[in-house]
Amino acid sequence: MSYFNVYYKNLVGGHLRLSKLRLRPGHIVSFNYTGIKTRKIPRLVFILNANDTRSGSRLVHALNMEHISWISFLKILKRILISDTITIIKRKYEIRGPFDEILDKPLTFYKRMLKPNIGNEDVYRTYKYSDITSVKLWALDYSSMFRQVDENRKLLIHEKDKLVDIMTERKALHEIFDISTGRLKDAKYRELITQRFGSESVFKKSIIEINEMISKNEDFL
């Protein structure tokens, strides 16, 4: 059974072109593979790891979302969900879900942590990095994973967001405060935030102000 249309309907914010050099765990992407394209979005996958070079040919490890029910996918994600405000903001600007770091051993993680929630369907995939082309980055509305009273719901990418605007916000954050998510580890990012802002609440307030500035199309440069 294919759940592709379920995920397609839950995509929010449009999409961004992405260099495959920038694939990160937690990204939801589509891409062409070995030149085969069967539909407008040929596949949707959830990246687990994009740095496996053990085979001599770099591999990307991912979950094929088409064969995972939405309910099962949410169960999987809740096992790696985070609630830390600074990290959630970092994930938003990386266009990733609010999840913990994933993974040096993705197959082991899949078998132990994810497979019991999926059932008999095998959704684990590996792709040769060299055969991946035309990568597009997508986002889902993960707000349903947080309680209504949880303020972190407001920090997530949601249906009213546009991914291009989020990239503009990220650029503003970098140019105003000299902070960029880049490939910084979460701990280093938190350290920089603390140095620049002094507290999580001040950082969150600054993010809100930047968002408002972008929405009003003000000149922030």
C-alpha atoms as a PDB file:
ATOM      1  CA  MET A   1       0.000   0.000   0.000  1.00  0.00           C
ATOM      2  CA  SER A   2       1.229   3.485  -0.868  1.00  0.00           C
ATOM      3  CA  TYR A   3       0.812   6.401   1.544  1.00  0.00           C
ATOM      4  CA  PHE A   4       2.461   8.840  -0.838  1.00  0.00           C
ATOM      5  CA  ASN A   5      -0.609  11.057  -1.251  1.00  0.00           C
ATOM      6  CA  VAL A   6      -1.007  11.357   2.531  1.00  0.00           C
ATOM      7  CA  TYR A   7       2.480  12.820   2.857  1.00  0.00           C
ATOM      8  CA  TYR A   8       2.082  14.924  -0.251  1.00  0.00           C
ATOM      9  CA  LYS A   9      -0.977  16.591   1.282  1.00  0.00           C
ATOM     10  CA  ASN A  10       0.907  17.221   4.533  1.00  0.00           C
ATOM     11  CA  LEU A  11       3.874  18.963   2.911  1.00  0.00           C
ATOM     12  CA  VAL A  12       4.030  22.648   3.868  1.00  0.00           C
ATOM     13  CA  GLY A  13       5.918  25.710   2.760  1.00  0.00           C
ATOM     14  CA  GLY A  14       6.831  24.701  -0.777  1.00  0.00           C
ATOM     15  CA  HIS A  15      10.296  23.301  -1.426  1.00  0.00           C
ATOM     16  CA  LEU A  16      13.902  24.352  -1.857  1.00  0.00           C
ATOM     17  CA  ARG A  17      16.574  23.071  -4.178  1.00  0.00           C
ATOM     18  CA  LEU A  18      19.297  21.418  -2.131  1.00  0.00           C
ATOM     19  CA  SER A  19      22.825  20.364  -2.987  1.00  0.00           C
ATOM     20  CA  LYS A  20      23.297  16.715  -2.126  1.00  0.00           C
ATOM     21  CA  LEU A  21      26.436  17.826  -0.310  1.00  0.00           C
ATOM     22  CA  ARG A  22      24.107  19.361   2.283  1.00  0.00           C
ATOM     23  CA  LEU A  23      21.908  16.342   2.987  1.00  0.00           C
ATOM     24  CA  ARG A  24      21.446  16.017   6.737  1.00  0.00           C
ATOM     25  CA  PRO A  25      19.768  13.534   9.098  1.00  0.00           C
ATOM     26  CA  GLY A  26      16.149  14.546   9.630  1.00  0.00           C
ATOM     27  CA  HIS A  27      15.735  16.123   6.200  1.00  0.00           C
ATOM     28  CA  ILE A  28      12.747  15.102   4.111  1.00  0.00           C
ATOM     29  CA  VAL A  29      13.784  15.139   0.487  1.00  0.00           C
ATOM     30  CA  SER A  30      12.852  14.009  -2.979  1.00  0.00           C
ATOM     31  CA  PHE A  31      15.334  13.292  -5.741  1.00  0.00           C
ATOM     32  CA  ASN A  32      15.828  11.516  -9.035  1.00  0.00           C
ATOM     33  CA  TYR A  33      17.798   8.300  -8.853  1.00  0.00           C
ATOM     34  CA  THR A  34      19.840   6.788 -11.694  1.00  0.00           C
ATOM     35  CA  GLY A  35      17.932   8.966 -14.128  1.00  0.00           C
ATOM     36  CA  ILE A  36      14.573   7.295 -13.490  1.00  0.00           C
ATOM     37  CA  LYS A  37      11.633   9.622 -12.879  1.00  0.00           C
ATOM     38  CA  THR A  38       8.137   8.150 -12.645  1.00  0.00           C
ATOM     39  CA  ARG A  39       6.120  11.138 -11.373  1.00  0.00           C
ATOM     40  CA  LYS A  40       6.430  14.814 -10.435  1.00  0.00           C
ATOM     41  CA  ILE A  41       7.874  13.891  -7.009  1.00  0.00           C
ATOM     42  CA  PRO A  42       9.525  10.517  -7.641  1.00  0.00           C
ATOM     43  CA  ARG A  43      10.010   9.661  -3.956  1.00  0.00           C
ATOM     44  CA  LEU A  44       9.898  11.123  -0.454  1.00  0.00           C
ATOM     45  CA  VAL A  45      12.509   9.897   1.994  1.00  0.00           C
ATOM     46  CA  PHE A  46      13.491  10.698   5.566  1.00  0.00           C
ATOM     47  CA  ILE A  47      17.292  10.931   5.796  1.00  0.00           C
ATOM     48  CA  LEU A  48      18.978   8.927   8.556  1.00  0.00           C
ATOM     49  CA  ASN A  49      22.605   9.302   7.507  1.00  0.00           C
ATOM     50  CA  ALA A  50      24.401  10.745   4.487  1.00  0.00           C
ATOM     51  CA  ASN A  51      28.039  10.139   5.388  1.00  0.00           C
ATOM     52  CA  ASP A  52      28.540   6.401   5.029  1.00  0.00           C
ATOM     53  CA  THR A  53      31.692   5.748   3.003  1.00  0.00           C
ATOM     54  CA  ARG A  54      32.419   2.219   4.221  1.00  0.00           C
ATOM     55  CA  SER A  55      31.481   0.554   0.929  1.00  0.00           C
ATOM     56  CA  GLY A  56      33.917   2.667  -1.078  1.00  0.00           C
ATOM     57  CA  SER A  57      30.946   4.427  -2.663  1.00  0.00           C
ATOM     58  CA  ARG A  58      29.268   6.977  -0.416  1.00  0.00           C
ATOM     59  CA  LEU A  59      25.790   5.878   0.624  1.00  0.00           C
ATOM     60  CA  VAL A  60      22.726   7.733   1.849  1.00  0.00           C
ATOM     61  CA  HIS A  61      20.592   5.853   4.385  1.00  0.00           C
ATOM     62  CA  ALA A  62      16.909   6.763   4.524  1.00  0.00           C
ATOM     63  CA  LEU A  63      13.351   5.664   5.191  1.00  0.00           C
ATOM     64  CA  ASN A  64      11.007   5.390   2.217  1.00  0.00           C
ATOM     65  CA  MET A  65       8.027   7.302   3.592  1.00  0.00           C
ATOM     66  CA  GLU A  66       5.656   6.069   0.912  1.00  0.00           C
ATOM     67  CA  HIS A  67       5.310   2.737   2.702  1.00  0.00           C
ATOM     68  CA  ILE A  68       4.958   4.071   6.261  1.00  0.00           C
ATOM     69  CA  SER A  69       1.530   5.083   7.498  1.00  0.00           C
ATOM     70  CA  TRP A  70       1.279   8.610   8.891  1.00  0.00           C
ATOM     71  CA  ILE A  71       0.402   7.219  12.339  1.00  0.00           C
ATOM     72  CA  SER A  72       3.413   4.892  12.304  1.00  0.00           C
ATOM     73  CA  PHE A  73       5.664   7.716  11.134  1.00  0.00           C
ATOM     74  CA  LEU A  74       4.557   9.905  14.037  1.00  0.00           C
ATOM     75  CA  LYS A  75       5.224   7.041  16.454  1.00  0.00           C
ATOM     76  CA  ILE A  76       8.719   6.719  15.043  1.00  0.00           C
ATOM     77  CA  LEU A  77       9.416  10.414  15.330  1.00  0.00           C
ATOM     78  CA  LYS A  78       8.177  10.666  18.890  1.00  0.00           C
ATOM     79  CA  ARG A  79      11.014   8.337  19.873  1.00  0.00           C
ATOM     80  CA  ILE A  80      13.539  10.958  18.767  1.00  0.00           C
ATOM     81  CA  LEU A  81      11.546  14.124  19.498  1.00  0.00           C
ATOM     82  CA  ILE A  82      13.214  17.014  21.319  1.00  0.00           C
ATOM     83  CA  SER A  83      11.680  19.786  23.399  1.00  0.00           C
ATOM     84  CA  ASP A  84      14.655  22.122  23.824  1.00  0.00           C
ATOM     85  CA  THR A  85      13.728  25.559  22.463  1.00  0.00           C
ATOM     86  CA  ILE A  86      17.139  26.529  21.108  1.00  0.00           C
ATOM     87  CA  THR A  87      17.566  23.221  19.305  1.00  0.00           C
ATOM     88  CA  ILE A  88      14.054  23.400  17.835  1.00  0.00           C
ATOM     89  CA  ILE A  89      14.876  26.850  16.433  1.00  0.00           C
ATOM     90  CA  LYS A  90      18.136  25.463  15.040  1.00  0.00           C
ATOM     91  CA  ARG A  91      16.232  22.609  13.372  1.00  0.00           C
ATOM     92  CA  LYS A  92      13.739  25.036  11.861  1.00  0.00           C
ATOM     93  CA  TYR A  93      16.504  26.963  10.108  1.00  0.00           C
ATOM     94  CA  GLU A  94      17.979  23.692   8.880  1.00  0.00           C
ATOM     95  CA  ILE A  95      14.511  22.730   7.538  1.00  0.00           C
ATOM     96  CA  ARG A  96      14.604  19.586   9.645  1.00  0.00           C
ATOM     97  CA  GLY A  97      12.024  18.193  12.028  1.00  0.00           C
ATOM     98  CA  PRO A  98      12.357  18.707  15.821  1.00  0.00           C
ATOM     99  CA  PHE A  99      14.379  15.553  16.327  1.00  0.00           C
ATOM    100  CA  ASP A 100      17.509  14.429  18.042  1.00  0.00           C
ATOM    101  CA  GLU A 101      20.751  13.861  16.144  1.00  0.00           C
ATOM    102  CA  ILE A 102      20.636  10.792  13.893  1.00  0.00           C
ATOM    103  CA  LEU A 103      22.883   8.537  13.539  1.00  0.00           C
ATOM    104  CA  ASP A 104      26.266   6.951  13.130  1.00  0.00           C
ATOM    105  CA  LYS A 105      24.758   3.458  12.865  1.00  0.00           C
ATOM    106  CA  PRO A 106      21.456   4.047  11.049  1.00  0.00           C
ATOM    107  CA  LEU A 107      20.649   0.400  10.277  1.00  0.00           C
ATOM    108  CA  THR A 108      21.092  -0.628  13.919  1.00  0.00           C
ATOM    109  CA  PHE A 109      18.936   2.305  14.959  1.00  0.00           C
ATOM    110  CA  TYR A 110      16.283   1.296  12.444  1.00  0.00           C
ATOM    111  CA  LYS A 111      16.159  -2.339  13.552  1.00  0.00           C
ATOM    112  CA  ARG A 112      16.089  -1.612  17.278  1.00  0.00           C
ATOM    113  CA  MET A 113      14.110   1.614  17.498  1.00  0.00           C
ATOM    114  CA  LEU A 114      11.994   1.993  14.384  1.00  0.00           C
ATOM    115  CA  LYS A 115      11.185  -1.381  12.867  1.00  0.00           C
ATOM    116  CA  PRO A 116       8.896  -2.485  15.769  1.00  0.00           C
ATOM    117  CA  ASN A 117       6.636   0.502  14.991  1.00  0.00           C
ATOM    118  CA  ILE A 118       6.418  -0.162  11.260  1.00  0.00           C
ATOM    119  CA  GLY A 119       5.329  -3.778  10.961  1.00  0.00           C
ATOM    120  CA  ASN A 120       6.219  -6.137   8.158  1.00  0.00           C
ATOM    121  CA  GLU A 121       6.913  -3.516   5.503  1.00  0.00           C
ATOM    122  CA  ASP A 122      10.619  -2.965   4.875  1.00  0.00           C
ATOM    123  CA  VAL A 123      11.089   0.779   4.398  1.00  0.00           C
ATOM    124  CA  TYR A 124      14.846   1.036   4.919  1.00  0.00           C
ATOM    125  CA  ARG A 125      16.725   2.194   1.841  1.00  0.00           C
ATOM    126  CA  THR A 126      20.283   2.976   0.809  1.00  0.00           C
ATOM    127  CA  TYR A 127      21.093   5.104  -2.217  1.00  0.00           C
ATOM    128  CA  LYS A 128      24.402   5.629  -3.976  1.00  0.00           C
ATOM    129  CA  TYR A 129      25.339   9.241  -3.506  1.00  0.00           C
ATOM    130  CA  SER A 130      26.715   9.442  -7.035  1.00  0.00           C
ATOM    131  CA  ASP A 131      23.339   8.426  -8.549  1.00  0.00           C
ATOM    132  CA  ILE A 132      21.287  11.078  -6.723  1.00  0.00           C
ATOM    133  CA  THR A 133      20.286  14.150  -8.738  1.00  0.00           C
ATOM    134  CA  SER A 134      17.774  17.027  -8.548  1.00  0.00           C
ATOM    135  CA  VAL A 135      17.419  17.064  -4.761  1.00  0.00           C
ATOM    136  CA  LYS A 136      14.478  19.025  -3.332  1.00  0.00           C
ATOM    137  CA  LEU A 137      14.013  19.765   0.358  1.00  0.00           C
ATOM    138  CA  TRP A 138      10.523  19.587   1.880  1.00  0.00           C
ATOM    139  CA  ALA A 139       8.914  20.046   5.288  1.00  0.00           C
ATOM    140  CA  LEU A 140       5.969  18.608   7.170  1.00  0.00           C
ATOM    141  CA  ASP A 141       3.766  20.284   9.763  1.00  0.00           C
ATOM    142  CA  TYR A 142       4.897  18.571  12.970  1.00  0.00           C
ATOM    143  CA  SER A 143       2.800  20.706  15.309  1.00  0.00           C
ATOM    144  CA  SER A 144       0.424  17.812  16.022  1.00  0.00           C
ATOM    145  CA  MET A 145       3.279  16.117  17.870  1.00  0.00           C
ATOM    146  CA  PHE A 146       3.247  18.830  20.540  1.00  0.00           C
ATOM    147  CA  ARG A 147       0.471  19.635  22.977  1.00  0.00           C
ATOM    148  CA  GLN A 148      -1.665  22.682  22.305  1.00  0.00           C
ATOM    149  CA  VAL A 149      -0.290  24.387  25.426  1.00  0.00           C
ATOM    150  CA  ASP A 150       3.335  23.782  24.436  1.00  0.00           C
ATOM    151  CA  GLU A 151       4.819  27.067  23.208  1.00  0.00           C
ATOM    152  CA  ASN A 152       7.304  25.162  21.069  1.00  0.00           C
ATOM    153  CA  ARG A 153       4.454  24.503  18.628  1.00  0.00           C
ATOM    154  CA  LYS A 154       4.872  28.114  17.509  1.00  0.00           C
ATOM    155  CA  LEU A 155       8.542  27.544  16.661  1.00  0.00           C
ATOM    156  CA  LEU A 156       7.893  24.724  14.218  1.00  0.00           C
ATOM    157  CA  ILE A 157       7.492  25.044  10.487  1.00  0.00           C
ATOM    158  CA  HIS A 158       3.754  25.141   9.844  1.00  0.00           C
ATOM    159  CA  GLU A 159       1.323  25.474   6.981  1.00  0.00           C
ATOM    160  CA  LYS A 160       1.532  29.282   6.845  1.00  0.00           C
ATOM    161  CA  ASP A 161       5.328  29.293   6.528  1.00  0.00           C
ATOM    162  CA  LYS A 162       7.250  29.452   3.283  1.00  0.00           C
ATOM    163  CA  LEU A 163      10.622  27.738   3.216  1.00  0.00           C
ATOM    164  CA  VAL A 164      12.128  30.609   1.224  1.00  0.00           C
ATOM    165  CA  ASP A 165      11.097  33.012   4.021  1.00  0.00           C
ATOM    166  CA  ILE A 166      12.702  30.758   6.617  1.00  0.00           C
ATOM    167  CA  MET A 167      15.942  30.918   4.652  1.00  0.00           C
ATOM    168  CA  THR A 168      15.653  34.715   4.630  1.00  0.00           C
ATOM    169  CA  GLU A 169      15.172  34.666   8.406  1.00  0.00           C
ATOM    170  CA  ARG A 170      18.242  32.460   8.757  1.00  0.00           C
ATOM    171  CA  LYS A 171      20.259  34.887   6.641  1.00  0.00           C
ATOM    172  CA  ALA A 172      19.088  37.780   8.802  1.00  0.00           C
ATOM    173  CA  LEU A 173      20.055  35.939  11.986  1.00  0.00           C
ATOM    174  CA  HIS A 174      23.500  35.303  10.545  1.00  0.00           C
ATOM    175  CA  GLU A 175      24.081  38.862   9.343  1.00  0.00           C
ATOM    176  CA  ILE A 176      22.701  40.621  12.413  1.00  0.00           C
ATOM    177  CA  PHE A 177      24.153  38.355  15.108  1.00  0.00           C
ATOM    178  CA  ASP A 178      26.862  36.455  13.202  1.00  0.00           C
ATOM    179  CA  ILE A 179      25.268  33.107  14.024  1.00  0.00           C
ATOM    180  CA  SER A 180      24.713  30.422  11.424  1.00  0.00           C
ATOM    181  CA  THR A 181      23.535  26.864  11.992  1.00  0.00           C
ATOM    182  CA  GLY A 182      25.802  25.511   9.262  1.00  0.00           C
ATOM    183  CA  ARG A 183      27.214  22.222  10.429  1.00  0.00           C
ATOM    184  CA  LEU A 184      27.585  23.285  14.025  1.00  0.00           C
ATOM    185  CA  LYS A 185      26.827  20.621  16.582  1.00  0.00           C
ATOM    186  CA  ASP A 186      23.903  21.414  18.851  1.00  0.00           C
ATOM    187  CA  ALA A 187      26.134  21.978  21.887  1.00  0.00           C
ATOM    188  CA  LYS A 188      28.315  24.486  20.020  1.00  0.00           C
ATOM    189  CA  TYR A 189      25.246  26.277  18.692  1.00  0.00           C
ATOM    190  CA  ARG A 190      23.843  26.563  22.228  1.00  0.00           C
ATOM    191  CA  GLU A 191      27.187  27.916  23.430  1.00  0.00           C
ATOM    192  CA  LEU A 192      27.143  30.636  20.765  1.00  0.00           C
ATOM    193  CA  ILE A 193      23.549  31.543  21.524  1.00  0.00           C
ATOM    194  CA  THR A 194      24.337  31.882  25.217  1.00  0.00           C
ATOM    195  CA  GLN A 195      27.339  34.072  24.445  1.00  0.00           C
ATOM    196  CA  ARG A 196      25.390  36.358  22.102  1.00  0.00           C
ATOM    197  CA  PHE A 197      22.052  36.580  23.902  1.00  0.00           C
ATOM    198  CA  GLY A 198      22.673  35.619  27.514  1.00  0.00           C
ATOM    199  CA  SER A 199      19.512  33.531  27.820  1.00  0.00           C
ATOM    200  CA  GLU A 200      17.089  31.374  25.872  1.00  0.00           C
ATOM    201  CA  SER A 201      14.224  33.836  26.420  1.00  0.00           C
ATOM    202  CA  VAL A 202      16.184  36.752  24.924  1.00  0.00           C
ATOM    203  CA  PHE A 203      17.129  34.611  21.913  1.00  0.00           C
ATOM    204  CA  LYS A 204      13.525  33.545  21.395  1.00  0.00           C
ATOM    205  CA  LYS A 205      12.379  37.187  21.564  1.00  0.00           C
ATOM    206  CA  SER A 206      15.010  38.161  18.984  1.00  0.00           C
ATOM    207  CA  ILE A 207      13.844  35.387  16.670  1.00  0.00           C
ATOM    208  CA  ILE A 208      10.258  36.650  16.924  1.00  0.00           C
ATOM    209  CA  GLU A 209      11.435  40.172  16.080  1.00  0.00           C
ATOM    210  CA  ILE A 210      13.364  38.921  13.055  1.00  0.00           C
ATOM    211  CA  ASN A 211      10.317  36.987  11.863  1.00  0.00           C
ATOM    212  CA  GLU A 212       8.150  40.090  12.163  1.00  0.00           C
ATOM    213  CA  MET A 213      10.766  42.138  10.334  1.00  0.00           C
ATOM    214  CA  ILE A 214      10.865  39.687   7.459  1.00  0.00           C
ATOM    215  CA  SER A 215       7.068  39.479   7.264  1.00  0.00           C
ATOM    216  CA  LYS A 216       6.929  43.274   6.910  1.00  0.00           C
ATOM    217  CA  ASN A 217       9.621  43.146   4.205  1.00  0.00           C
ATOM    218  CA  GLU A 218      11.811  45.613   6.093  1.00  0.00           C
ATOM    219  CA  ASP A 219      15.399  46.171   5.053  1.00  0.00           C
ATOM    220  CA  PHE A 220      17.395  44.247   7.618  1.00  0.00           C
ATOM    221  CA  LEU A 221      20.762  44.286   5.843  1.00  0.00           C
END
